[in-house]
């Protein structure tokens, strides 16, 4: 019997080839295999053309879930309620408490701004914005290697708080296995309709609509390579939240946190899949050694040990830095999805950290608490996109419409400005439309 080992790459920022080795370990191509791209295009085109018939065919093929009609694939509100009722009291309570915290956070977020507002300038012209929720959104909940009720809460609740009229959930149920926690989370979060559909075909159904699945305005939620590719292809027909890459965690440690805590935090992302990335940055070499010993000790007892080992061996890194300041600089270059500042004084380092999906401050703030119940959203930018984007929020489920009401006096001033600019662009109808409203215009 072979002993499973996890050996994340050991690096030192002082070594001559650090930059080359560091970049090689970070590299992950978001470009999908050509075969996947073509298959996704074919599936999307088929769903657009044949609708429900294509969904039935692909669900039978990919999820081993044969169904005669779409009615068999739609989950009723009664089923969601029954799933909730069937849970042990501890799970029901945890689900409701997590939902309450997530709802409270997103309601607070909404209250901080982004509401419809107007003002009038000195000539009586009204200017402002009208903020309205999207009519209908689709949320994709993964259901292949694991079930994620937390994804239901994190996608549906901010949409609900934003005022979205209808929330359509799709979740693959391979071989017909329906996870009660996922269905119960849909009940708690206020999902309007739910379908046991997954993969590129589910994205196509949400984007284009079928005879049964309604067309949505925006699709959110993570998925595998096929789902990510499909979301990329339907963007423009519908909105999407982001193209998510493999999950990431970066731990900045000063050596004060128990090393087994940090080892388990690295495991917490590595167990997602083999391409997930777990990195430790620390100025204390002996502490890095201690973390590696804990990795060796704890790994055999993990149910997903094989996935963790593959992730750490293929993409993990334990990096010895010159200082915590240097660790912060490297973190900013990585722009990780999850960033733990596991130190005695995390607020000393937080001002130096500019790019991360979420920052977890202090030894007691494990990333997993953010995944489930702290409140802020766990749908976060990956693959360095935290440099220009942020977590899913209520704002992702709202849109802004400009409000403009020009007074007669205002038209005299603005009309002359518009006329000059429109003529300069060679758009005479634009200019004339403004000029006609000027006093004395013939």
Protein backbone atom coordinates (compact mmCIF):
# COMPACT_ATOMS: atom_id res chain seq x y z
CA UNK A 1 0.00 0.00 0.00
CA UNK A 2 1.44 3.38 -1.05
CA UNK A 3 1.57 6.10 1.59
CA UNK A 4 -0.08 9.30 0.38
CA UNK A 5 2.13 12.38 0.63
CA UNK A 6 1.57 16.08 0.08
CA UNK A 7 4.67 18.14 -0.62
CA UNK A 8 3.89 21.70 -1.59
CA UNK A 9 6.78 23.34 -3.41
CA UNK A 10 9.25 24.98 -0.98
CA UNK A 11 10.55 28.35 -2.15
CA UNK A 12 12.64 31.17 -0.68
CA UNK A 13 12.41 34.73 -1.97
CA UNK A 14 16.20 34.95 -1.62
CA UNK A 15 16.93 32.11 -4.04
CA UNK A 16 18.23 33.20 -7.49
CA UNK A 17 15.51 31.46 -9.47
CA UNK A 18 12.64 32.44 -7.14
CA UNK A 19 10.84 34.60 -9.69
CA UNK A 20 10.85 31.89 -12.37
CA UNK A 21 9.73 29.15 -9.98
CA UNK A 22 7.12 31.42 -8.38
CA UNK A 23 5.54 32.37 -11.70
CA UNK A 24 5.53 28.75 -12.86
CA UNK A 25 3.68 27.68 -9.72
CA UNK A 26 1.12 30.49 -10.06
CA UNK A 27 0.42 29.87 -13.72
CA UNK A 28 -3.00 28.58 -14.58
CA UNK A 29 -4.48 29.05 -18.03
CA UNK A 30 -8.12 30.06 -18.15
CA UNK A 31 -8.20 28.93 -21.77
CA UNK A 32 -10.21 25.75 -22.07
CA UNK A 33 -9.27 22.79 -24.18
CA UNK A 34 -10.46 23.20 -27.78
CA UNK A 35 -12.54 20.04 -27.52
CA UNK A 36 -14.42 21.40 -24.49
CA UNK A 37 -15.02 24.71 -26.27
CA UNK A 38 -16.47 23.00 -29.32
CA UNK A 39 -18.59 20.63 -27.24
CA UNK A 40 -19.99 23.53 -25.24
CA UNK A 41 -20.86 25.41 -28.44
CA UNK A 42 -22.65 22.34 -29.74
CA UNK A 43 -24.61 21.88 -26.51
CA UNK A 44 -25.64 25.54 -26.35
CA UNK A 45 -26.76 25.53 -29.99
CA UNK A 46 -28.74 22.34 -29.39
CA UNK A 47 -30.47 23.70 -26.28
CA UNK A 48 -31.30 26.89 -28.14
CA UNK A 49 -32.73 24.90 -31.03
CA UNK A 50 -34.52 22.00 -29.33
CA UNK A 51 -35.16 23.34 -25.81
CA UNK A 52 -36.60 20.81 -23.38
CA UNK A 53 -35.88 17.82 -25.63
CA UNK A 54 -32.17 18.64 -25.57
CA UNK A 55 -32.22 19.10 -21.79
CA UNK A 56 -33.80 15.68 -21.31
CA UNK A 57 -31.22 14.07 -23.58
CA UNK A 58 -28.15 15.68 -21.99
CA UNK A 59 -29.38 15.12 -18.43
CA UNK A 60 -29.82 11.42 -19.19
CA UNK A 61 -26.38 11.26 -20.82
CA UNK A 62 -24.25 13.33 -18.43
CA UNK A 63 -26.06 12.87 -15.11
CA UNK A 64 -27.33 9.31 -15.71
CA UNK A 65 -30.76 10.69 -14.89
CA UNK A 66 -33.29 9.57 -17.51
CA UNK A 67 -36.59 11.44 -17.48
CA UNK A 68 -39.64 11.24 -19.73
CA UNK A 69 -40.65 14.86 -19.17
CA UNK A 70 -39.32 18.08 -17.71
CA UNK A 71 -41.87 17.77 -14.91
CA UNK A 72 -39.66 15.03 -13.47
CA UNK A 73 -36.69 17.41 -13.36
CA UNK A 74 -38.44 20.34 -11.70
CA UNK A 75 -38.37 20.43 -7.92
CA UNK A 76 -41.61 21.64 -6.38
CA UNK A 77 -41.82 24.07 -3.47
CA UNK A 78 -43.32 21.22 -1.44
CA UNK A 79 -40.21 19.09 -2.11
CA UNK A 80 -37.93 21.90 -0.96
CA UNK A 81 -40.04 22.36 2.18
CA UNK A 82 -40.05 18.60 2.80
CA UNK A 83 -36.26 18.47 2.43
CA UNK A 84 -35.96 21.22 5.02
CA UNK A 85 -38.38 19.48 7.38
CA UNK A 86 -36.47 16.20 7.02
CA UNK A 87 -33.17 17.64 8.23
CA UNK A 88 -31.91 17.01 11.76
CA UNK A 89 -32.69 20.00 14.01
CA UNK A 90 -29.01 20.97 14.17
CA UNK A 91 -28.79 21.25 10.37
CA UNK A 92 -32.05 23.18 10.12
CA UNK A 93 -30.84 25.59 12.79
CA UNK A 94 -27.41 26.03 11.17
CA UNK A 95 -29.00 26.68 7.77
CA UNK A 96 -31.38 29.29 9.20
CA UNK A 97 -28.70 31.01 11.24
CA UNK A 98 -26.33 31.18 8.27
CA UNK A 99 -29.14 32.50 6.05
CA UNK A 100 -30.03 35.13 8.66
CA UNK A 101 -26.43 36.36 8.88
CA UNK A 102 -26.02 36.45 5.10
CA UNK A 103 -29.36 38.28 4.74
CA UNK A 104 -28.45 40.77 7.49
CA UNK A 105 -25.11 41.55 5.84
CA UNK A 106 -26.59 42.06 2.39
CA UNK A 107 -29.44 44.20 3.77
CA UNK A 108 -26.82 46.34 5.50
CA UNK A 109 -24.89 46.49 2.22
CA UNK A 110 -27.99 47.65 0.38
CA UNK A 111 -28.70 50.33 3.02
CA UNK A 112 -25.29 51.90 2.49
CA UNK A 113 -26.20 53.35 -0.88
CA UNK A 114 -27.23 52.49 -4.37
CA UNK A 115 -30.83 53.64 -3.92
CA UNK A 116 -32.89 55.67 -6.38
CA UNK A 117 -32.08 59.35 -5.84
CA UNK A 118 -32.47 62.64 -7.69
CA UNK A 119 -31.56 66.32 -7.34
CA UNK A 120 -32.40 69.56 -9.17
CA UNK A 121 -29.84 72.10 -10.30
CA UNK A 122 -30.25 75.87 -10.28
CA UNK A 123 -32.40 76.01 -13.42
CA UNK A 124 -34.79 73.32 -12.24
CA UNK A 125 -33.37 70.44 -14.28
CA UNK A 126 -33.76 67.10 -12.51
CA UNK A 127 -30.90 64.63 -12.61
CA UNK A 128 -30.43 61.32 -10.84
CA UNK A 129 -30.62 57.58 -11.03
CA UNK A 130 -33.33 54.97 -10.79
CA UNK A 131 -32.17 51.71 -9.25
CA UNK A 132 -34.26 48.66 -10.08
CA UNK A 133 -33.75 44.96 -9.42
CA UNK A 134 -33.40 42.48 -12.24
CA UNK A 135 -36.64 40.72 -13.14
CA UNK A 136 -35.33 37.17 -13.16
CA UNK A 137 -31.95 35.59 -12.38
CA UNK A 138 -30.57 32.07 -12.63
CA UNK A 139 -28.27 30.56 -10.03
CA UNK A 140 -26.07 27.57 -10.80
CA UNK A 141 -25.31 25.32 -7.84
CA UNK A 142 -22.57 22.68 -8.30
CA UNK A 143 -23.64 19.11 -7.64
CA UNK A 144 -20.95 16.84 -9.02
CA UNK A 145 -18.03 16.08 -6.68
CA UNK A 146 -19.83 17.63 -3.71
CA UNK A 147 -23.06 19.39 -2.76
CA UNK A 148 -22.99 23.07 -1.81
CA UNK A 149 -25.99 24.41 0.13
CA UNK A 150 -23.80 27.40 1.01
CA UNK A 151 -23.72 28.34 -2.69
CA UNK A 152 -27.50 28.44 -2.71
CA UNK A 153 -27.54 30.87 0.21
CA UNK A 154 -24.75 33.07 -1.15
CA UNK A 155 -26.32 33.45 -4.60
CA UNK A 156 -30.04 33.51 -3.83
CA UNK A 157 -30.12 35.67 -0.70
CA UNK A 158 -28.45 38.81 -2.13
CA UNK A 159 -30.71 38.46 -5.19
CA UNK A 160 -33.72 38.23 -2.88
CA UNK A 161 -32.55 41.21 -0.81
CA UNK A 162 -31.98 43.22 -4.01
CA UNK A 163 -35.63 42.66 -4.89
CA UNK A 164 -35.25 40.25 -7.84
CA UNK A 165 -38.71 39.07 -8.86
CA UNK A 166 -37.88 35.46 -9.69
CA UNK A 167 -34.90 33.25 -8.80
CA UNK A 168 -34.42 30.10 -10.89
CA UNK A 169 -32.04 27.48 -9.50
CA UNK A 170 -30.38 24.71 -11.50
CA UNK A 171 -28.44 21.93 -9.78
CA UNK A 172 -27.13 18.69 -11.30
CA UNK A 173 -28.22 15.54 -9.47
CA UNK A 174 -26.07 12.75 -10.91
CA UNK A 175 -27.94 9.42 -10.87
CA UNK A 176 -30.86 11.22 -9.30
CA UNK A 177 -29.19 11.85 -5.94
CA UNK A 178 -30.92 14.91 -4.46
CA UNK A 179 -29.09 16.46 -1.52
CA UNK A 180 -31.62 17.48 1.17
CA UNK A 181 -29.38 20.30 2.45
CA UNK A 182 -29.24 21.89 -1.01
CA UNK A 183 -33.00 21.66 -1.44
CA UNK A 184 -33.60 22.93 2.09
CA UNK A 185 -31.24 25.87 1.43
CA UNK A 186 -33.32 26.73 -1.65
CA UNK A 187 -36.42 26.76 0.55
CA UNK A 188 -34.75 28.97 3.20
CA UNK A 189 -33.27 31.37 0.62
CA UNK A 190 -36.52 31.93 -1.27
CA UNK A 191 -35.76 30.25 -4.60
CA UNK A 192 -38.77 30.56 -6.93
CA UNK A 193 -38.25 27.50 -9.13
CA UNK A 194 -35.63 24.75 -9.14
CA UNK A 195 -34.56 22.21 -11.76
CA UNK A 196 -32.33 19.15 -11.53
CA UNK A 197 -30.19 20.28 -14.47
CA UNK A 198 -26.46 20.81 -14.74
CA UNK A 199 -23.56 21.46 -17.10
CA UNK A 200 -23.46 23.60 -20.23
CA UNK A 201 -27.02 22.55 -21.05
CA UNK A 202 -28.32 24.14 -17.83
CA UNK A 203 -26.52 27.39 -18.65
CA UNK A 204 -28.02 27.29 -22.15
CA UNK A 205 -31.51 26.74 -20.74
CA UNK A 206 -31.18 29.74 -18.41
CA UNK A 207 -29.68 31.96 -21.12
CA UNK A 208 -32.07 31.15 -23.96
CA UNK A 209 -35.13 29.76 -22.21
CA UNK A 210 -36.88 26.55 -23.21
CA UNK A 211 -40.49 25.40 -23.25
CA UNK A 212 -40.18 24.81 -19.48
CA UNK A 213 -37.15 26.70 -18.14
CA UNK A 214 -37.68 30.48 -18.24
CA UNK A 215 -35.06 32.77 -19.77
CA UNK A 216 -33.22 34.81 -17.15
CA UNK A 217 -31.48 38.18 -17.21
CA UNK A 218 -28.32 37.12 -15.37
CA UNK A 219 -26.60 33.88 -14.33
CA UNK A 220 -24.47 33.58 -11.19
CA UNK A 221 -22.74 30.72 -9.43
CA UNK A 222 -19.65 28.54 -9.90
CA UNK A 223 -19.26 25.34 -11.91
CA UNK A 224 -16.79 23.12 -13.73
CA UNK A 225 -14.89 23.90 -16.94
CA UNK A 226 -17.98 23.25 -19.08
CA UNK A 227 -20.10 25.59 -16.98
CA UNK A 228 -17.44 28.32 -17.03
CA UNK A 229 -17.07 28.00 -20.80
CA UNK A 230 -20.83 28.11 -21.32
CA UNK A 231 -21.16 31.24 -19.18
CA UNK A 232 -18.48 32.89 -21.29
CA UNK A 233 -20.35 32.01 -24.49
CA UNK A 234 -23.77 33.25 -23.34
CA UNK A 235 -22.46 36.54 -21.91
CA UNK A 236 -24.10 39.29 -23.90
CA UNK A 237 -27.32 37.35 -24.23
CA UNK A 238 -27.47 37.43 -20.43
CA UNK A 239 -25.30 38.94 -17.74
CA UNK A 240 -22.96 36.78 -15.68
CA UNK A 241 -21.18 37.28 -12.38
CA UNK A 242 -17.68 36.13 -13.36
CA UNK A 243 -15.69 33.35 -15.02
CA UNK A 244 -14.46 31.45 -11.98
CA UNK A 245 -11.18 29.57 -11.97
CA UNK A 246 -9.93 27.04 -9.40
CA UNK A 247 -10.33 27.99 -5.74
CA UNK A 248 -7.40 29.70 -3.97
CA UNK A 249 -6.17 30.42 -0.46
CA UNK A 250 -3.14 32.44 0.55
CA UNK A 251 -2.06 32.45 4.21
CA UNK A 252 0.22 35.20 5.52
CA UNK A 253 1.61 33.84 8.79
CA UNK A 254 4.02 35.35 11.31
CA UNK A 255 4.48 32.02 13.12
CA UNK A 256 2.16 32.77 16.05
CA UNK A 257 -0.77 30.58 14.94
CA UNK A 258 -0.77 26.86 15.81
CA UNK A 259 0.74 25.19 12.74
CA UNK A 260 -1.99 22.54 12.57
CA UNK A 261 -4.56 25.33 12.16
CA UNK A 262 -2.69 26.69 9.16
CA UNK A 263 -2.19 23.21 7.67
CA UNK A 264 -5.93 22.61 7.86
CA UNK A 265 -6.65 26.03 6.35
CA UNK A 266 -4.46 25.05 3.38
CA UNK A 267 -6.40 21.77 3.15
CA UNK A 268 -9.70 23.67 3.16
CA UNK A 269 -9.14 24.91 -0.37
CA UNK A 270 -7.01 22.01 -1.62
CA UNK A 271 -9.90 19.61 -0.99
CA UNK A 272 -12.10 21.38 -3.56
CA UNK A 273 -10.28 19.90 -6.54
CA UNK A 274 -6.85 19.01 -7.87
CA UNK A 275 -6.38 22.43 -9.50
CA UNK A 276 -7.11 24.42 -6.33
CA UNK A 277 -4.18 26.44 -5.02
CA UNK A 278 -2.97 26.75 -1.41
CA UNK A 279 0.01 28.99 -0.62
CA UNK A 280 1.73 29.89 2.66
CA UNK A 281 3.93 32.99 2.94
CA UNK A 282 5.97 33.25 6.14
CA UNK A 283 9.28 34.82 7.25
CA UNK A 284 9.96 31.98 9.75
CA UNK A 285 11.56 28.89 8.14
CA UNK A 286 11.14 26.75 11.27
CA UNK A 287 7.43 27.54 11.32
CA UNK A 288 7.11 26.45 7.67
CA UNK A 289 8.78 23.18 8.69
CA UNK A 290 6.22 22.80 11.47
CA UNK A 291 3.34 23.37 9.05
CA UNK A 292 4.76 20.70 6.72
CA UNK A 293 4.95 18.25 9.63
CA UNK A 294 1.30 18.94 10.41
CA UNK A 295 0.39 18.43 6.75
CA UNK A 296 2.09 15.02 6.90
CA UNK A 297 0.36 14.13 10.18
CA UNK A 298 -3.15 15.30 9.29
CA UNK A 299 -3.40 14.25 5.65
CA UNK A 300 -4.03 10.50 6.16
CA UNK A 301 -7.12 11.24 8.23
CA UNK A 302 -8.79 13.44 5.63
CA UNK A 303 -11.67 11.87 3.63
CA UNK A 304 -10.56 13.80 0.51
CA UNK A 305 -6.86 13.12 1.12
CA UNK A 306 -6.13 12.13 -2.47
CA UNK A 307 -7.53 15.37 -3.88
CA UNK A 308 -5.68 17.42 -1.23
CA UNK A 309 -2.41 15.69 -2.02
CA UNK A 310 -2.76 16.24 -5.76
CA UNK A 311 -3.60 19.90 -5.23
CA UNK A 312 -0.68 20.58 -2.89
CA UNK A 313 1.77 18.57 -4.97
CA UNK A 314 0.72 20.21 -8.22
CA UNK A 315 -0.10 23.79 -7.26
CA UNK A 316 0.70 24.33 -3.57
CA UNK A 317 3.64 26.37 -2.27
CA UNK A 318 5.29 27.08 1.09
CA UNK A 319 7.29 30.27 0.60
CA UNK A 320 9.92 31.60 3.02
CA UNK A 321 9.95 35.40 2.77
CA UNK A 322 12.40 37.98 4.07
CA UNK A 323 9.68 39.69 6.12
CA UNK A 324 5.95 40.08 6.57
CA UNK A 325 6.20 43.25 4.47
CA UNK A 326 7.60 41.24 1.58
CA UNK A 327 4.87 38.65 2.11
CA UNK A 328 2.27 41.42 1.71
CA UNK A 329 3.94 42.59 -1.51
CA UNK A 330 3.86 39.08 -2.96
CA UNK A 331 0.23 38.70 -1.87
CA UNK A 332 -0.70 41.82 -3.82
CA UNK A 333 0.93 40.35 -6.91
CA UNK A 334 -1.08 37.15 -6.53
CA UNK A 335 -4.41 38.89 -5.73
CA UNK A 336 -5.83 35.71 -4.16
CA UNK A 337 -9.45 34.72 -3.82
CA UNK A 338 -9.11 34.09 -0.04
CA UNK A 339 -6.41 35.82 2.00
CA UNK A 340 -5.81 34.89 5.65
CA UNK A 341 -3.66 37.21 7.77
CA UNK A 342 -2.75 34.76 10.51
CA UNK A 343 -0.73 36.97 12.82
CA UNK A 344 -0.71 38.50 16.30
CA UNK A 345 -1.59 41.94 14.90
CA UNK A 346 -3.42 41.47 11.58
CA UNK A 347 -4.50 45.12 11.49
CA UNK A 348 -0.85 46.12 11.20
CA UNK A 349 -0.65 44.35 7.84
CA UNK A 350 -4.16 44.87 6.46
CA UNK A 351 -3.43 48.43 5.18
CA UNK A 352 -0.64 46.98 3.01
CA UNK A 353 -2.98 44.49 1.32
CA UNK A 354 -4.66 45.97 -1.76
CA UNK A 355 -5.85 43.01 -3.83
CA UNK A 356 -7.89 40.06 -2.54
CA UNK A 357 -11.40 38.73 -2.90
CA UNK A 358 -11.80 38.58 0.88
CA UNK A 359 -9.37 39.21 3.74
CA UNK A 360 -9.66 37.11 6.90
CA UNK A 361 -8.03 38.87 9.85
CA UNK A 362 -6.50 37.01 12.78
CA UNK A 363 -5.84 33.42 13.80
CA UNK A 364 -9.46 32.70 14.72
CA UNK A 365 -10.82 33.79 11.35
CA UNK A 366 -10.63 30.64 9.30
CA UNK A 367 -11.60 31.00 5.66
CA UNK A 368 -14.23 28.30 6.14
CA UNK A 369 -16.28 30.62 8.39
CA UNK A 370 -16.54 33.03 5.47
CA UNK A 371 -17.58 30.18 3.20
CA UNK A 372 -20.60 29.34 5.31
CA UNK A 373 -21.92 31.82 7.79
CA UNK A 374 -19.89 34.98 8.59
CA UNK A 375 -22.15 37.04 6.31
CA UNK A 376 -20.12 38.54 3.43
CA UNK A 377 -20.48 36.70 0.15
CA UNK A 378 -18.26 33.72 -0.64
CA UNK A 379 -18.55 34.12 -4.42
CA UNK A 380 -15.18 35.78 -4.99
CA UNK A 381 -12.87 36.67 -7.89
CA UNK A 382 -10.15 34.11 -8.73
CA UNK A 383 -7.06 33.87 -10.93
CA UNK A 384 -5.83 37.37 -10.09
CA UNK A 385 -9.09 39.08 -11.07
CA UNK A 386 -9.35 40.55 -7.56
CA UNK A 387 -7.18 43.31 -9.03
CA UNK A 388 -10.26 44.71 -10.75
CA UNK A 389 -13.34 42.97 -9.33
CA UNK A 390 -14.93 42.08 -6.03
CA UNK A 391 -17.34 39.70 -4.28
CA UNK A 392 -20.88 38.99 -5.45
CA UNK A 393 -23.26 41.50 -3.84
CA UNK A 394 -26.75 42.97 -3.95
CA UNK A 395 -25.43 45.40 -6.56
CA UNK A 396 -24.91 42.53 -8.98
CA UNK A 397 -28.66 41.97 -8.98
CA UNK A 398 -29.63 45.59 -9.58
CA UNK A 399 -29.24 47.93 -12.51
CA UNK A 400 -29.16 51.69 -12.75
CA UNK A 401 -31.18 53.84 -15.12
CA UNK A 402 -30.32 57.51 -15.50
CA UNK A 403 -33.12 60.01 -14.86
CA UNK A 404 -33.03 63.33 -16.75
CA UNK A 405 -35.79 65.96 -16.76
CA UNK A 406 -34.59 69.18 -18.40
CA UNK A 407 -36.50 72.34 -17.56
CA UNK A 408 -37.31 74.99 -20.19
CA UNK A 409 -34.59 77.19 -18.74
CA UNK A 410 -32.14 74.31 -18.70
CA UNK A 411 -32.86 73.52 -22.36
CA UNK A 412 -31.64 76.98 -23.34
CA UNK A 413 -28.25 76.38 -21.78
CA UNK A 414 -27.81 72.68 -22.54
CA UNK A 415 -29.26 73.01 -26.06
CA UNK A 416 -26.54 75.38 -27.20
CA UNK A 417 -23.80 73.12 -25.80
CA UNK A 418 -25.31 70.03 -27.44
CA UNK A 419 -25.76 71.85 -30.75
CA UNK A 420 -22.10 72.80 -30.96
CA UNK A 421 -20.88 69.29 -30.10
CA UNK A 422 -23.36 67.54 -32.40
CA UNK A 423 -22.39 69.69 -35.37
CA UNK A 424 -18.76 68.96 -34.54
CA UNK A 425 -19.52 65.23 -34.80
CA UNK A 426 -21.46 65.69 -38.05
CA UNK A 427 -24.76 64.60 -36.46
CA UNK A 428 -27.11 67.31 -37.68
CA UNK A 429 -30.33 65.65 -36.45
CA UNK A 430 -28.91 65.61 -32.92
CA UNK A 431 -28.10 69.30 -33.23
CA UNK A 432 -31.50 70.24 -34.68
CA UNK A 433 -33.36 68.32 -31.96
CA UNK A 434 -31.60 70.43 -29.35
CA UNK A 435 -31.93 73.70 -31.34
CA UNK A 436 -35.70 73.31 -31.81
CA UNK A 437 -36.15 73.74 -28.07
CA UNK A 438 -34.29 77.04 -27.96
CA UNK A 439 -36.45 80.12 -27.54
CA UNK A 440 -36.96 81.90 -30.83
CA UNK A 441 -36.06 78.85 -32.88
CA UNK A 442 -37.96 78.71 -36.18
